[in-house]
């Protein structure tokens, strides 16, 4: 599928993967609509002719207004890349339901709020692509990352459940599962991140996968294989490997 001539919207476009995707598209002459809480960091894209919209995806009413503005100024997107996300490191020593609410509101509900508006319009015209950015960390509850892993796991399952129904209306649902990508979010991690990838390389893989209309875009391969193997580890052994003890 050729992307030129397509109306594309990207959430979480300020930094990292979202910004890198936007940069690659602009270089090819495509001017995507960019959604972010910090639109002041997207002035260069606005100067280049991109539609820039301020929106916190965790706020249902803000998403409603952002969708309305997009539809009025650019039209209903042909391709939406729901990239906005966040990660809260949460241990039993600093556990907070507020962190859980914030994480799930952004990583799960932020996608659902957008999809709520996209689906009816895409169903009418019987076409469209919705690509949600999940994670390869969606398969187990890693110590200290339970909120992040579970929010991404919920997103992956939600998108999988939506995929079959949407296909009947010509809508393609794509699940994007990156491994470790160097972004402001991963910069805060204090643990080793194997096969850490630049956001520019990740953006290239994602756009290539969207052009091929792949159901799941997951990378890098060593991490994909590793996470599949980790999913097969019995719970008791997994607890020992990740440092958990019930003694």
Protein backbone atom coordinates (compact mmCIF):
# COMPACT_ATOMS: atom_id res chain seq x y z
CA UNK A 1 0.00 0.00 0.00
CA UNK A 2 1.27 3.45 -0.93
CA UNK A 3 1.06 6.03 1.86
CA UNK A 4 1.24 9.12 -0.34
CA UNK A 5 -2.14 10.80 -0.62
CA UNK A 6 -3.36 9.20 2.60
CA UNK A 7 -4.67 11.25 5.52
CA UNK A 8 -2.63 10.11 8.52
CA UNK A 9 -3.02 10.96 12.21
CA UNK A 10 -0.43 10.21 14.91
CA UNK A 11 -0.97 10.53 18.67
CA UNK A 12 1.95 10.94 21.05
CA UNK A 13 3.86 12.78 18.36
CA UNK A 14 6.07 14.98 20.52
CA UNK A 15 9.04 12.67 21.04
CA UNK A 16 10.33 9.15 20.41
CA UNK A 17 8.63 6.84 17.95
CA UNK A 18 5.74 9.18 17.19
CA UNK A 19 7.98 12.08 16.28
CA UNK A 20 10.27 9.88 14.20
CA UNK A 21 7.31 8.52 12.22
CA UNK A 22 6.12 12.08 11.61
CA UNK A 23 9.58 13.16 10.44
CA UNK A 24 9.80 10.28 7.97
CA UNK A 25 6.36 11.06 6.57
CA UNK A 26 7.09 14.77 6.17
CA UNK A 27 10.29 13.97 4.28
CA UNK A 28 8.18 12.09 1.72
CA UNK A 29 5.76 14.98 1.32
CA UNK A 30 3.03 13.63 3.60
CA UNK A 31 1.68 16.08 6.19
CA UNK A 32 0.15 14.08 9.04
CA UNK A 33 -2.11 15.43 11.75
CA UNK A 34 -0.14 15.35 15.00
CA UNK A 35 -1.76 15.02 18.42
CA UNK A 36 0.10 15.86 21.61
CA UNK A 37 -0.25 17.43 25.04
CA UNK A 38 2.84 19.57 24.38
CA UNK A 39 2.12 21.16 21.04
CA UNK A 40 4.77 23.83 21.63
CA UNK A 41 7.33 21.13 20.81
CA UNK A 42 5.73 20.57 17.40
CA UNK A 43 6.03 24.10 16.03
CA UNK A 44 8.48 22.95 13.34
CA UNK A 45 5.86 20.51 12.01
CA UNK A 46 3.18 23.19 12.12
CA UNK A 47 5.46 25.48 10.11
CA UNK A 48 5.83 22.64 7.59
CA UNK A 49 2.06 22.55 7.09
CA UNK A 50 1.07 19.75 9.44
CA UNK A 51 -2.10 20.00 11.49
CA UNK A 52 -1.09 20.09 15.17
CA UNK A 53 -3.74 19.46 17.83
CA UNK A 54 -3.41 19.75 21.59
CA UNK A 55 -5.00 16.77 23.33
CA UNK A 56 -4.43 14.60 26.39
CA UNK A 57 -5.59 11.19 25.15
CA UNK A 58 -6.49 10.13 28.69
CA UNK A 59 -9.26 12.75 28.72
CA UNK A 60 -12.38 11.53 26.91
CA UNK A 61 -13.75 14.99 26.13
CA UNK A 62 -10.39 16.21 24.80
CA UNK A 63 -10.24 13.26 22.41
CA UNK A 64 -13.78 14.03 21.24
CA UNK A 65 -12.84 17.63 20.47
CA UNK A 66 -9.52 16.62 18.86
CA UNK A 67 -11.31 14.15 16.58
CA UNK A 68 -13.85 16.81 15.64
CA UNK A 69 -11.07 19.30 14.81
CA UNK A 70 -9.23 16.69 12.75
CA UNK A 71 -12.36 15.81 10.78
CA UNK A 72 -13.14 19.47 10.08
CA UNK A 73 -9.63 20.54 9.07
CA UNK A 74 -8.16 17.42 7.46
CA UNK A 75 -10.96 14.92 7.09
CA UNK A 76 -11.37 11.47 8.64
CA UNK A 77 -7.95 9.78 8.77
CA UNK A 78 -7.23 6.91 6.41
CA UNK A 79 -4.54 5.72 8.82
CA UNK A 80 -4.40 6.41 12.55
CA UNK A 81 -1.30 5.51 14.55
CA UNK A 82 -2.26 5.48 18.24
CA UNK A 83 1.18 5.89 19.72
CA UNK A 84 0.61 7.90 22.92
CA UNK A 85 1.75 5.95 25.95
CA UNK A 86 3.44 6.16 29.31
CA UNK A 87 5.18 3.95 31.86
CA UNK A 88 5.05 4.08 35.65
CA UNK A 89 7.58 2.06 37.63
CA UNK A 90 5.51 0.74 40.50
CA UNK A 91 6.75 -1.43 43.37
CA UNK A 92 4.97 -2.43 46.56
CA UNK A 93 6.92 0.33 48.35
CA UNK A 94 5.48 3.13 46.23
CA UNK A 95 2.31 1.48 44.96
CA UNK A 96 -0.43 3.94 44.12
CA UNK A 97 -3.86 3.51 42.55
CA UNK A 98 -3.37 7.00 41.06
CA UNK A 99 -0.42 5.65 39.05
CA UNK A 100 -2.59 2.76 37.87
CA UNK A 101 -5.39 5.10 36.80
CA UNK A 102 -2.96 7.31 34.91
CA UNK A 103 -1.25 4.38 33.18
CA UNK A 104 -4.44 2.64 32.07
CA UNK A 105 -6.10 5.93 31.10
CA UNK A 106 -3.25 6.67 28.69
CA UNK A 107 -2.16 3.24 27.46
CA UNK A 108 -5.58 1.61 27.14
CA UNK A 109 -8.44 4.09 27.38
CA UNK A 110 -6.58 6.67 25.28
CA UNK A 111 -6.72 4.18 22.40
CA UNK A 112 -10.33 3.25 23.08
CA UNK A 113 -11.47 6.89 23.12
CA UNK A 114 -10.00 7.47 19.66
CA UNK A 115 -11.29 4.20 18.27
CA UNK A 116 -14.79 5.06 19.50
CA UNK A 117 -14.85 7.97 17.05
CA UNK A 118 -12.87 6.36 14.24
CA UNK A 119 -14.87 3.15 13.86
CA UNK A 120 -18.27 4.59 12.84
CA UNK A 121 -16.69 6.79 10.15
CA UNK A 122 -14.47 4.01 8.82
CA UNK A 123 -17.42 1.61 8.82
CA UNK A 124 -19.41 4.04 6.68
CA UNK A 125 -16.76 4.19 3.98
CA UNK A 126 -15.66 0.55 4.53
CA UNK A 127 -11.95 1.33 4.75
CA UNK A 128 -9.27 2.52 7.15
CA UNK A 129 -6.33 1.43 9.24
CA UNK A 130 -6.06 1.73 13.01
CA UNK A 131 -2.61 0.89 14.37
CA UNK A 132 -2.22 0.73 18.14
CA UNK A 133 1.22 0.76 19.75
CA UNK A 134 1.41 -1.94 22.42
CA UNK A 135 4.65 -3.59 23.55
CA UNK A 136 6.52 -6.89 23.61
CA UNK A 137 6.18 -6.58 27.39
CA UNK A 138 2.48 -7.44 27.08
CA UNK A 139 2.91 -11.15 27.85
CA UNK A 140 4.11 -11.30 31.50
CA UNK A 141 4.02 -9.20 34.65
CA UNK A 142 7.61 -8.11 35.05
CA UNK A 143 8.63 -6.98 38.52
CA UNK A 144 8.29 -3.22 38.94
CA UNK A 145 6.46 -2.92 35.62
CA UNK A 146 3.15 -4.58 36.45
CA UNK A 147 1.09 -1.51 35.57
CA UNK A 148 2.81 -0.97 32.24
CA UNK A 149 2.75 -4.66 31.26
CA UNK A 150 -0.88 -5.17 32.19
CA UNK A 151 -2.04 -2.00 30.42
CA UNK A 152 -0.23 -3.04 27.24
CA UNK A 153 -1.49 -6.61 27.60
CA UNK A 154 -5.05 -5.31 27.82
CA UNK A 155 -4.47 -3.18 24.73
CA UNK A 156 -3.08 -6.11 22.72
CA UNK A 157 -6.04 -8.32 23.63
CA UNK A 158 -8.53 -5.54 22.90
CA UNK A 159 -7.06 -4.92 19.44
CA UNK A 160 -6.98 -8.65 18.71
CA UNK A 161 -10.65 -8.96 19.62
CA UNK A 162 -11.53 -5.98 17.44
CA UNK A 163 -9.59 -7.19 14.39
CA UNK A 164 -11.98 -9.88 13.14
CA UNK A 165 -15.12 -7.75 13.44
CA UNK A 166 -13.47 -4.72 11.85
CA UNK A 167 -12.31 -6.79 8.87
CA UNK A 168 -15.94 -7.33 7.88
CA UNK A 169 -16.14 -3.57 7.23
CA UNK A 170 -12.85 -3.27 5.37
CA UNK A 171 -11.05 -1.86 8.42
CA UNK A 172 -7.60 -3.16 9.27
CA UNK A 173 -6.51 -3.30 12.91
CA UNK A 174 -2.75 -3.45 13.41
CA UNK A 175 -1.00 -4.19 16.70
CA UNK A 176 2.49 -2.71 16.99
CA UNK A 177 4.78 -4.38 19.54
CA UNK A 178 8.19 -2.74 19.89
CA UNK A 179 10.95 -4.00 22.13
CA UNK A 180 13.19 -1.46 23.84
CA UNK A 181 13.36 1.82 21.92
CA UNK A 182 15.42 4.79 23.12
CA UNK A 183 12.85 7.39 24.15
CA UNK A 184 12.41 9.78 27.09
CA UNK A 185 10.34 7.02 28.73
CA UNK A 186 13.01 4.32 28.48
CA UNK A 187 15.72 6.83 29.45
CA UNK A 188 14.29 6.59 32.99
CA UNK A 189 14.84 2.82 33.19
CA UNK A 190 17.63 1.75 35.53
CA UNK A 191 17.98 -1.77 34.15
CA UNK A 192 19.67 -3.31 31.13
CA UNK A 193 17.66 -3.03 27.93
CA UNK A 194 18.88 -5.61 25.39
CA UNK A 195 18.75 -4.75 21.68
CA UNK A 196 17.89 -1.11 22.43
CA UNK A 197 16.86 0.52 19.15
CA UNK A 198 16.79 4.10 17.93
CA UNK A 199 13.35 5.65 17.41
CA UNK A 200 14.29 6.37 13.78
CA UNK A 201 14.89 2.68 13.08
CA UNK A 202 11.70 1.71 14.92
CA UNK A 203 9.71 4.23 12.88
CA UNK A 204 11.05 2.76 9.65
CA UNK A 205 10.01 -0.76 10.67
CA UNK A 206 6.54 0.44 11.68
CA UNK A 207 5.91 2.33 8.43
CA UNK A 208 7.14 -0.65 6.40
CA UNK A 209 4.74 -2.90 8.32
CA UNK A 210 1.83 -0.53 7.77
CA UNK A 211 2.57 -0.41 4.03
CA UNK A 212 2.43 -4.21 4.02
CA UNK A 213 -0.78 -4.06 6.12
CA UNK A 214 0.62 -6.59 8.60
CA UNK A 215 -1.67 -7.64 11.44
CA UNK A 216 1.15 -7.52 13.98
CA UNK A 217 4.34 -5.49 13.67
CA UNK A 218 6.82 -6.74 16.27
CA UNK A 219 10.54 -6.10 16.60
CA UNK A 220 13.45 -6.63 17.04
CA UNK A 221 13.50 -10.34 16.22
CA UNK A 222 15.76 -11.46 19.14
CA UNK A 223 13.41 -9.78 21.62
CA UNK A 224 10.36 -11.24 19.87
CA UNK A 225 11.84 -14.73 20.24
CA UNK A 226 12.90 -14.03 23.82
CA UNK A 227 9.45 -12.88 24.91
CA UNK A 228 7.81 -15.90 23.30
CA UNK A 229 10.15 -18.17 25.27
CA UNK A 230 9.52 -16.22 28.49
CA UNK A 231 5.77 -16.72 28.04
CA UNK A 232 6.35 -20.50 28.26
CA UNK A 233 8.17 -20.38 31.61
CA UNK A 234 6.14 -21.84 34.52
CA UNK A 235 5.03 -19.24 37.10
CA UNK A 236 7.22 -20.59 39.90
CA UNK A 237 10.36 -20.50 37.79
CA UNK A 238 9.43 -17.09 36.39
CA UNK A 239 9.12 -15.71 39.94
CA UNK A 240 12.60 -17.02 40.82
CA UNK A 241 14.12 -15.63 37.63
CA UNK A 242 12.65 -12.18 38.23
CA UNK A 243 13.67 -12.05 41.87
CA UNK A 244 10.29 -12.70 43.50
CA UNK A 245 10.13 -14.81 46.64
CA UNK A 246 7.12 -15.74 48.80
CA UNK A 247 9.35 -16.94 51.63
